[in-house]
Amino acid sequence: MLMELKNEQKAMHRQMRKFGMLLAAIRDEGIRTNTYEPPEDIKLPADTVEDLDRLEESLAVDGDLEKYLINHLFLIGGTNLRECVRSMLSAIFTNKVGRMVNWMGGGQMQKKCFQSTKIRDVLQSAIRKKPSHIISQQCGHPEMCNQISEKVPHIGQGVGGRCLRWESRPNLRWIQTIQL
């Protein structure tokens, strides 16, 4: 049993060394390709819907911005597809903007559609660059769209509609306090 543990420890040490070299290669690649500076009017994460629209318009005309954003998002971590999507979306826009975006758009609040944006294409390209131990080879377009469409409506969760409604109706807080 002691020999098995020793062999397992050696295998883990080799794996850690391999991950260290992979991380160094990723960091070096990011440094070499990161000579492009995005325009000053592009703010990440986008803090307003106008910032998000400006980013979308810039991506449509600036191929270098697209490459920069793909590399920027690629370097953002996550141990699986779900975590990668969540952290990448958080790097693209804030919770405040996330409350105004959903997969299909429309609705009572006239939310912005995320499904047909160039930003979604950039996000998927960054996800596809991830190593196979994070994103399985079987993970195709439908799986990514599924994860993105599940995460987009929940980006602003916890600071979203219910919280805003509660703050906008101080008389309800007073009534609930009396009932307690």
C-alpha atoms as a PDB file:
ATOM      1  CA  MET A   1       0.000   0.000   0.000  1.00  0.00           C
ATOM      2  CA  LEU A   2       2.878   2.356   0.767  1.00  0.00           C
ATOM      3  CA  MET A   3       4.326   1.708  -2.698  1.00  0.00           C
ATOM      4  CA  GLU A   4       0.962   2.525  -4.293  1.00  0.00           C
ATOM      5  CA  LEU A   5       0.860   5.851  -2.467  1.00  0.00           C
ATOM      6  CA  LYS A   6       4.440   6.594  -3.502  1.00  0.00           C
ATOM      7  CA  ASN A   7       3.620   5.854  -7.180  1.00  0.00           C
ATOM      8  CA  GLU A   8       0.487   7.975  -6.982  1.00  0.00           C
ATOM      9  CA  GLN A   9       2.495  10.828  -5.471  1.00  0.00           C
ATOM     10  CA  LYS A  10       5.040  10.620  -8.302  1.00  0.00           C
ATOM     11  CA  ALA A  11       2.256  10.665 -10.900  1.00  0.00           C
ATOM     12  CA  MET A  12       0.692  13.704  -9.257  1.00  0.00           C
ATOM     13  CA  HIS A  13       4.076  15.449  -9.167  1.00  0.00           C
ATOM     14  CA  ARG A  14       4.570  14.804 -12.906  1.00  0.00           C
ATOM     15  CA  GLN A  15       1.065  16.126 -13.601  1.00  0.00           C
ATOM     16  CA  MET A  16       1.738  19.287 -11.560  1.00  0.00           C
ATOM     17  CA  ARG A  17       4.986  19.863 -13.457  1.00  0.00           C
ATOM     18  CA  LYS A  18       3.116  19.447 -16.763  1.00  0.00           C
ATOM     19  CA  PHE A  19       0.449  21.955 -15.650  1.00  0.00           C
ATOM     20  CA  GLY A  20       3.172  24.390 -14.593  1.00  0.00           C
ATOM     21  CA  MET A  21       4.769  24.212 -18.039  1.00  0.00           C
ATOM     22  CA  LEU A  22       1.355  24.607 -19.693  1.00  0.00           C
ATOM     23  CA  LEU A  23       0.608  27.661 -17.539  1.00  0.00           C
ATOM     24  CA  ALA A  24       3.973  29.191 -18.400  1.00  0.00           C
ATOM     25  CA  ALA A  25       3.343  28.592 -22.112  1.00  0.00           C
ATOM     26  CA  ILE A  26      -0.094  30.175 -21.864  1.00  0.00           C
ATOM     27  CA  ARG A  27       1.310  33.162 -19.994  1.00  0.00           C
ATOM     28  CA  ASP A  28       4.134  33.585 -22.546  1.00  0.00           C
ATOM     29  CA  GLU A  29       1.698  33.321 -25.459  1.00  0.00           C
ATOM     30  CA  GLY A  30      -0.546  35.908 -23.837  1.00  0.00           C
ATOM     31  CA  ILE A  31       2.382  38.286 -23.339  1.00  0.00           C
ATOM     32  CA  ARG A  32       3.603  37.909 -26.917  1.00  0.00           C
ATOM     33  CA  THR A  33       0.199  38.416 -28.525  1.00  0.00           C
ATOM     34  CA  ASN A  34      -0.945  41.105 -26.112  1.00  0.00           C
ATOM     35  CA  THR A  35       0.665  44.071 -27.904  1.00  0.00           C
ATOM     36  CA  TYR A  36      -2.741  45.316 -29.076  1.00  0.00           C
ATOM     37  CA  GLU A  37      -4.402  47.911 -26.874  1.00  0.00           C
ATOM     38  CA  PRO A  38      -8.194  48.157 -27.127  1.00  0.00           C
ATOM     39  CA  PRO A  39      -9.708  51.571 -27.884  1.00  0.00           C
ATOM     40  CA  GLU A  40     -10.150  53.830 -24.868  1.00  0.00           C
ATOM     41  CA  ASP A  41     -13.932  53.896 -25.256  1.00  0.00           C
ATOM     42  CA  ILE A  42     -14.104  50.107 -24.727  1.00  0.00           C
ATOM     43  CA  LYS A  43     -14.666  49.313 -21.071  1.00  0.00           C
ATOM     44  CA  LEU A  44     -14.395  45.781 -19.670  1.00  0.00           C
ATOM     45  CA  PRO A  45     -16.428  44.683 -17.914  1.00  0.00           C
ATOM     46  CA  ALA A  46     -19.159  46.778 -19.523  1.00  0.00           C
ATOM     47  CA  ASP A  47     -20.926  48.787 -16.845  1.00  0.00           C
ATOM     48  CA  THR A  48     -23.839  50.013 -18.969  1.00  0.00           C
ATOM     49  CA  VAL A  49     -25.842  48.640 -21.884  1.00  0.00           C
ATOM     50  CA  GLU A  50     -24.343  51.464 -23.975  1.00  0.00           C
ATOM     51  CA  ASP A  51     -20.842  50.156 -23.142  1.00  0.00           C
ATOM     52  CA  LEU A  52     -21.958  46.690 -24.246  1.00  0.00           C
ATOM     53  CA  ASP A  53     -23.390  48.107 -27.500  1.00  0.00           C
ATOM     54  CA  ARG A  54     -20.145  50.016 -28.104  1.00  0.00           C
ATOM     55  CA  LEU A  55     -18.165  46.801 -27.604  1.00  0.00           C
ATOM     56  CA  GLU A  56     -20.470  44.955 -30.013  1.00  0.00           C
ATOM     57  CA  GLU A  57     -20.091  47.659 -32.682  1.00  0.00           C
ATOM     58  CA  SER A  58     -16.313  47.719 -32.270  1.00  0.00           C
ATOM     59  CA  LEU A  59     -16.079  43.936 -32.584  1.00  0.00           C
ATOM     60  CA  ALA A  60     -17.963  44.114 -35.891  1.00  0.00           C
ATOM     61  CA  VAL A  61     -15.306  46.360 -37.473  1.00  0.00           C
ATOM     62  CA  ASP A  62     -12.070  45.665 -35.548  1.00  0.00           C
ATOM     63  CA  GLY A  63     -10.619  42.174 -36.053  1.00  0.00           C
ATOM     64  CA  ASP A  64      -7.710  42.946 -33.728  1.00  0.00           C
ATOM     65  CA  LEU A  65     -10.127  43.749 -30.911  1.00  0.00           C
ATOM     66  CA  GLU A  66     -11.787  40.384 -31.490  1.00  0.00           C
ATOM     67  CA  LYS A  67      -8.442  38.548 -31.231  1.00  0.00           C
ATOM     68  CA  TYR A  68      -7.512  40.556 -28.138  1.00  0.00           C
ATOM     69  CA  LEU A  69     -10.823  39.764 -26.432  1.00  0.00           C
ATOM     70  CA  ILE A  70     -10.589  36.045 -27.303  1.00  0.00           C
ATOM     71  CA  ASN A  71      -7.104  35.887 -25.753  1.00  0.00           C
ATOM     72  CA  HIS A  72      -8.209  37.953 -22.753  1.00  0.00           C
ATOM     73  CA  LEU A  73     -11.154  35.631 -22.073  1.00  0.00           C
ATOM     74  CA  PHE A  74      -9.062  32.519 -22.741  1.00  0.00           C
ATOM     75  CA  LEU A  75      -6.724  33.438 -19.894  1.00  0.00           C
ATOM     76  CA  ILE A  76      -9.660  33.610 -17.475  1.00  0.00           C
ATOM     77  CA  GLY A  77      -9.912  30.444 -15.452  1.00  0.00           C
ATOM     78  CA  GLY A  78     -12.430  27.796 -14.626  1.00  0.00           C
ATOM     79  CA  THR A  79     -12.219  24.081 -13.945  1.00  0.00           C
ATOM     80  CA  ASN A  80     -15.127  23.115 -16.182  1.00  0.00           C
ATOM     81  CA  LEU A  81     -17.380  24.563 -18.877  1.00  0.00           C
ATOM     82  CA  ARG A  82     -19.866  26.004 -16.397  1.00  0.00           C
ATOM     83  CA  GLU A  83     -17.212  27.901 -14.387  1.00  0.00           C
ATOM     84  CA  CYS A  84     -15.480  29.127 -17.547  1.00  0.00           C
ATOM     85  CA  VAL A  85     -18.722  30.553 -18.931  1.00  0.00           C
ATOM     86  CA  ARG A  86     -19.572  32.193 -15.609  1.00  0.00           C
ATOM     87  CA  SER A  87     -16.178  33.835 -15.130  1.00  0.00           C
ATOM     88  CA  MET A  88     -15.904  34.916 -18.779  1.00  0.00           C
ATOM     89  CA  LEU A  89     -19.358  36.504 -18.727  1.00  0.00           C
ATOM     90  CA  SER A  90     -18.406  38.349 -15.541  1.00  0.00           C
ATOM     91  CA  ALA A  91     -15.350  39.712 -17.385  1.00  0.00           C
ATOM     92  CA  ILE A  92     -17.535  40.937 -20.266  1.00  0.00           C
ATOM     93  CA  PHE A  93     -20.265  42.737 -18.324  1.00  0.00           C
ATOM     94  CA  THR A  94     -21.235  43.596 -14.757  1.00  0.00           C
ATOM     95  CA  ASN A  95     -24.269  42.370 -12.827  1.00  0.00           C
ATOM     96  CA  LYS A  96     -25.993  45.664 -13.579  1.00  0.00           C
ATOM     97  CA  VAL A  97     -25.757  45.016 -17.324  1.00  0.00           C
ATOM     98  CA  GLY A  98     -26.477  41.312 -16.810  1.00  0.00           C
ATOM     99  CA  ARG A  99     -29.931  42.223 -15.520  1.00  0.00           C
ATOM    100  CA  MET A 100     -30.659  43.855 -18.885  1.00  0.00           C
ATOM    101  CA  VAL A 101     -29.518  40.920 -21.049  1.00  0.00           C
ATOM    102  CA  ASN A 102     -31.011  37.517 -21.758  1.00  0.00           C
ATOM    103  CA  TRP A 103     -30.591  34.824 -24.399  1.00  0.00           C
ATOM    104  CA  MET A 104     -33.542  35.728 -26.646  1.00  0.00           C
ATOM    105  CA  GLY A 105     -34.071  39.420 -25.815  1.00  0.00           C
ATOM    106  CA  GLY A 106     -37.393  41.186 -25.365  1.00  0.00           C
ATOM    107  CA  GLY A 107     -39.702  40.590 -22.430  1.00  0.00           C
ATOM    108  CA  GLN A 108     -41.298  43.131 -20.134  1.00  0.00           C
ATOM    109  CA  MET A 109     -38.056  45.038 -19.606  1.00  0.00           C
ATOM    110  CA  GLN A 110     -37.060  44.920 -23.310  1.00  0.00           C
ATOM    111  CA  LYS A 111     -33.856  43.060 -22.536  1.00  0.00           C
ATOM    112  CA  LYS A 112     -30.987  42.890 -24.998  1.00  0.00           C
ATOM    113  CA  CYS A 113     -30.625  39.664 -26.994  1.00  0.00           C
ATOM    114  CA  PHE A 114     -27.302  37.888 -26.365  1.00  0.00           C
ATOM    115  CA  GLN A 115     -27.821  34.959 -28.756  1.00  0.00           C
ATOM    116  CA  SER A 116     -27.143  36.884 -31.967  1.00  0.00           C
ATOM    117  CA  THR A 117     -24.252  39.069 -30.792  1.00  0.00           C
ATOM    118  CA  LYS A 118     -20.644  39.060 -31.905  1.00  0.00           C
ATOM    119  CA  ILE A 119     -19.737  38.959 -28.204  1.00  0.00           C
ATOM    120  CA  ARG A 120     -21.273  35.485 -27.976  1.00  0.00           C
ATOM    121  CA  ASP A 121     -19.120  34.345 -30.920  1.00  0.00           C
ATOM    122  CA  VAL A 122     -16.006  35.705 -29.180  1.00  0.00           C
ATOM    123  CA  LEU A 123     -17.005  33.959 -25.947  1.00  0.00           C
ATOM    124  CA  GLN A 124     -17.422  30.643 -27.759  1.00  0.00           C
ATOM    125  CA  SER A 125     -14.077  31.041 -29.540  1.00  0.00           C
ATOM    126  CA  ALA A 126     -12.350  31.639 -26.197  1.00  0.00           C
ATOM    127  CA  ILE A 127     -14.037  28.554 -24.728  1.00  0.00           C
ATOM    128  CA  ARG A 128     -12.945  26.413 -27.690  1.00  0.00           C
ATOM    129  CA  LYS A 129      -9.300  27.374 -27.033  1.00  0.00           C
ATOM    130  CA  LYS A 130      -9.450  25.883 -23.519  1.00  0.00           C
ATOM    131  CA  PRO A 131      -7.519  22.636 -22.923  1.00  0.00           C
ATOM    132  CA  SER A 132      -9.361  19.335 -23.233  1.00  0.00           C
ATOM    133  CA  HIS A 133      -9.152  18.576 -19.499  1.00  0.00           C
ATOM    134  CA  ILE A 134     -11.393  21.611 -18.919  1.00  0.00           C
ATOM    135  CA  ILE A 135     -13.600  21.437 -21.993  1.00  0.00           C
ATOM    136  CA  SER A 136     -14.191  17.912 -23.271  1.00  0.00           C
ATOM    137  CA  GLN A 137     -13.698  17.166 -26.949  1.00  0.00           C
ATOM    138  CA  GLN A 138     -17.382  16.209 -27.172  1.00  0.00           C
ATOM    139  CA  CYS A 139     -18.381  19.700 -26.066  1.00  0.00           C
ATOM    140  CA  GLY A 140     -19.795  21.204 -29.213  1.00  0.00           C
ATOM    141  CA  HIS A 141     -21.841  24.192 -30.190  1.00  0.00           C
ATOM    142  CA  PRO A 142     -25.103  23.015 -28.543  1.00  0.00           C
ATOM    143  CA  GLU A 143     -23.449  22.343 -25.177  1.00  0.00           C
ATOM    144  CA  MET A 144     -21.760  25.751 -25.126  1.00  0.00           C
ATOM    145  CA  CYS A 145     -24.967  27.524 -26.139  1.00  0.00           C
ATOM    146  CA  ASN A 146     -26.775  25.613 -23.419  1.00  0.00           C
ATOM    147  CA  GLN A 147     -24.321  26.737 -20.721  1.00  0.00           C
ATOM    148  CA  ILE A 148     -24.277  30.323 -21.965  1.00  0.00           C
ATOM    149  CA  SER A 149     -28.062  30.535 -22.224  1.00  0.00           C
ATOM    150  CA  GLU A 150     -28.360  29.150 -18.688  1.00  0.00           C
ATOM    151  CA  LYS A 151     -25.836  31.621 -17.257  1.00  0.00           C
ATOM    152  CA  VAL A 152     -26.845  34.836 -19.063  1.00  0.00           C
ATOM    153  CA  PRO A 153     -30.210  35.265 -17.289  1.00  0.00           C
ATOM    154  CA  HIS A 154     -28.598  34.637 -13.881  1.00  0.00           C
ATOM    155  CA  ILE A 155     -25.591  36.970 -14.116  1.00  0.00           C
ATOM    156  CA  GLY A 156     -27.317  39.653 -12.066  1.00  0.00           C
ATOM    157  CA  GLN A 157     -29.015  37.209  -9.734  1.00  0.00           C
ATOM    158  CA  GLY A 158     -29.041  38.291  -6.132  1.00  0.00           C
ATOM    159  CA  VAL A 159     -28.832  41.940  -7.064  1.00  0.00           C
ATOM    160  CA  GLY A 160     -31.573  41.862  -9.635  1.00  0.00           C
ATOM    161  CA  GLY A 161     -35.245  42.529  -9.937  1.00  0.00           C
ATOM    162  CA  ARG A 162     -36.423  41.421  -6.522  1.00  0.00           C
ATOM    163  CA  CYS A 163     -33.791  43.537  -4.816  1.00  0.00           C
ATOM    164  CA  LEU A 164     -34.653  46.561  -6.977  1.00  0.00           C
ATOM    165  CA  ARG A 165     -38.390  46.160  -6.383  1.00  0.00           C
ATOM    166  CA  TRP A 166     -37.770  45.912  -2.657  1.00  0.00           C
ATOM    167  CA  GLU A 167     -35.741  49.127  -2.682  1.00  0.00           C
ATOM    168  CA  SER A 168     -38.260  50.979  -4.841  1.00  0.00           C
ATOM    169  CA  ARG A 169     -41.170  50.245  -2.463  1.00  0.00           C
ATOM    170  CA  PRO A 170     -40.166  51.451   0.988  1.00  0.00           C
ATOM    171  CA  ASN A 171     -43.766  51.164   2.193  1.00  0.00           C
ATOM    172  CA  LEU A 172     -43.598  47.367   1.698  1.00  0.00           C
ATOM    173  CA  ARG A 173     -40.553  47.152   3.968  1.00  0.00           C
ATOM    174  CA  TRP A 174     -42.449  49.093   6.627  1.00  0.00           C
ATOM    175  CA  ILE A 175     -45.483  46.781   6.324  1.00  0.00           C
ATOM    176  CA  GLN A 176     -43.328  43.647   6.557  1.00  0.00           C
ATOM    177  CA  THR A 177     -41.527  45.002   9.605  1.00  0.00           C
ATOM    178  CA  ILE A 178     -44.856  45.503  11.359  1.00  0.00           C
ATOM    179  CA  GLN A 179     -46.009  41.974  10.498  1.00  0.00           C
ATOM    180  CA  LEU A 180     -42.863  40.440  12.007  1.00  0.00           C
END
